[in-house]
């Protein structure tokens, strides 16, 4: 059986933490902008750090596993 947990977590976090899709931190006009579909270098760095931190938590600390088949 294949473990699809890490792949599922990585894809979901990538979609949710894409800068400008749901939110942008730091925003262009304020601290947080929601749904503006724009990005900046600072927001890319912040979202990459958040992605790395959350994927480490879910894969190393929580040990998410999803077996299909």
Protein backbone atom coordinates (compact mmCIF):
# COMPACT_ATOMS: atom_id res chain seq x y z
CA UNK A 1 0.00 0.00 0.00
CA UNK A 2 1.15 3.50 -0.78
CA UNK A 3 1.20 6.26 1.83
CA UNK A 4 -0.56 9.25 0.25
CA UNK A 5 -0.63 11.36 3.44
CA UNK A 6 2.46 13.48 2.73
CA UNK A 7 1.39 14.13 -0.85
CA UNK A 8 -2.14 15.13 0.17
CA UNK A 9 -0.86 17.45 2.93
CA UNK A 10 1.70 19.06 0.62
CA UNK A 11 -0.83 19.73 -2.15
CA UNK A 12 -3.48 21.12 0.20
CA UNK A 13 -0.99 23.41 1.94
CA UNK A 14 0.44 24.56 -1.39
CA UNK A 15 -3.00 25.56 -2.64
CA UNK A 16 -4.09 27.21 0.59
CA UNK A 17 -0.82 29.09 1.15
CA UNK A 18 -0.35 30.41 -2.38
CA UNK A 19 0.26 34.16 -1.86
CA UNK A 20 -2.74 36.19 -2.96
CA UNK A 21 -5.14 33.30 -3.47
CA UNK A 22 -6.92 33.30 -0.11
CA UNK A 23 -4.80 35.83 1.74
CA UNK A 24 -1.51 37.69 1.42
CA UNK A 25 0.73 38.28 4.40
CA UNK A 26 2.14 41.03 4.41
CA UNK A 27 -0.38 42.72 2.17
CA UNK A 28 0.23 45.62 -0.17
CA UNK A 29 -2.25 47.93 1.56
CA UNK A 30 -2.38 46.54 5.09
CA UNK A 31 -1.05 43.79 7.28
CA UNK A 32 -3.24 41.17 5.59
CA UNK A 33 -5.02 41.32 2.23
CA UNK A 34 -7.68 38.80 1.26
CA UNK A 35 -8.22 37.48 -2.26
CA UNK A 36 -6.35 40.11 -4.24
CA UNK A 37 -4.52 37.68 -6.61
CA UNK A 38 -1.34 39.78 -6.36
CA UNK A 39 1.95 39.00 -4.69
CA UNK A 40 5.24 40.53 -3.63
CA UNK A 41 8.68 39.23 -2.74
CA UNK A 42 8.04 39.68 0.98
CA UNK A 43 4.79 37.71 0.84
CA UNK A 44 6.50 34.89 -1.08
CA UNK A 45 9.12 34.59 1.67
CA UNK A 46 6.52 34.69 4.46
CA UNK A 47 4.28 32.12 2.77
CA UNK A 48 7.26 29.84 2.04
CA UNK A 49 8.24 29.96 5.72
CA UNK A 50 4.65 29.20 6.78
CA UNK A 51 4.50 26.31 4.29
CA UNK A 52 7.77 24.83 5.57
CA UNK A 53 6.71 25.17 9.22
CA UNK A 54 3.28 23.62 8.67
CA UNK A 55 4.54 20.76 6.52
CA UNK A 56 7.12 19.92 9.19
CA UNK A 57 4.42 19.92 11.87
CA UNK A 58 2.02 17.74 9.90
CA UNK A 59 4.58 15.27 8.56
CA UNK A 60 7.05 15.00 11.44
CA UNK A 61 5.07 15.78 14.59
CA UNK A 62 1.54 14.63 13.72
CA UNK A 63 2.68 11.91 11.24
CA UNK A 64 -0.26 12.12 8.85
CA UNK A 65 -0.81 8.86 6.94
CA UNK A 66 -3.38 8.06 4.28
CA UNK A 67 -3.40 4.58 2.74
CA UNK A 68 -5.35 3.98 -0.46
CA UNK A 69 -5.77 0.74 -2.32
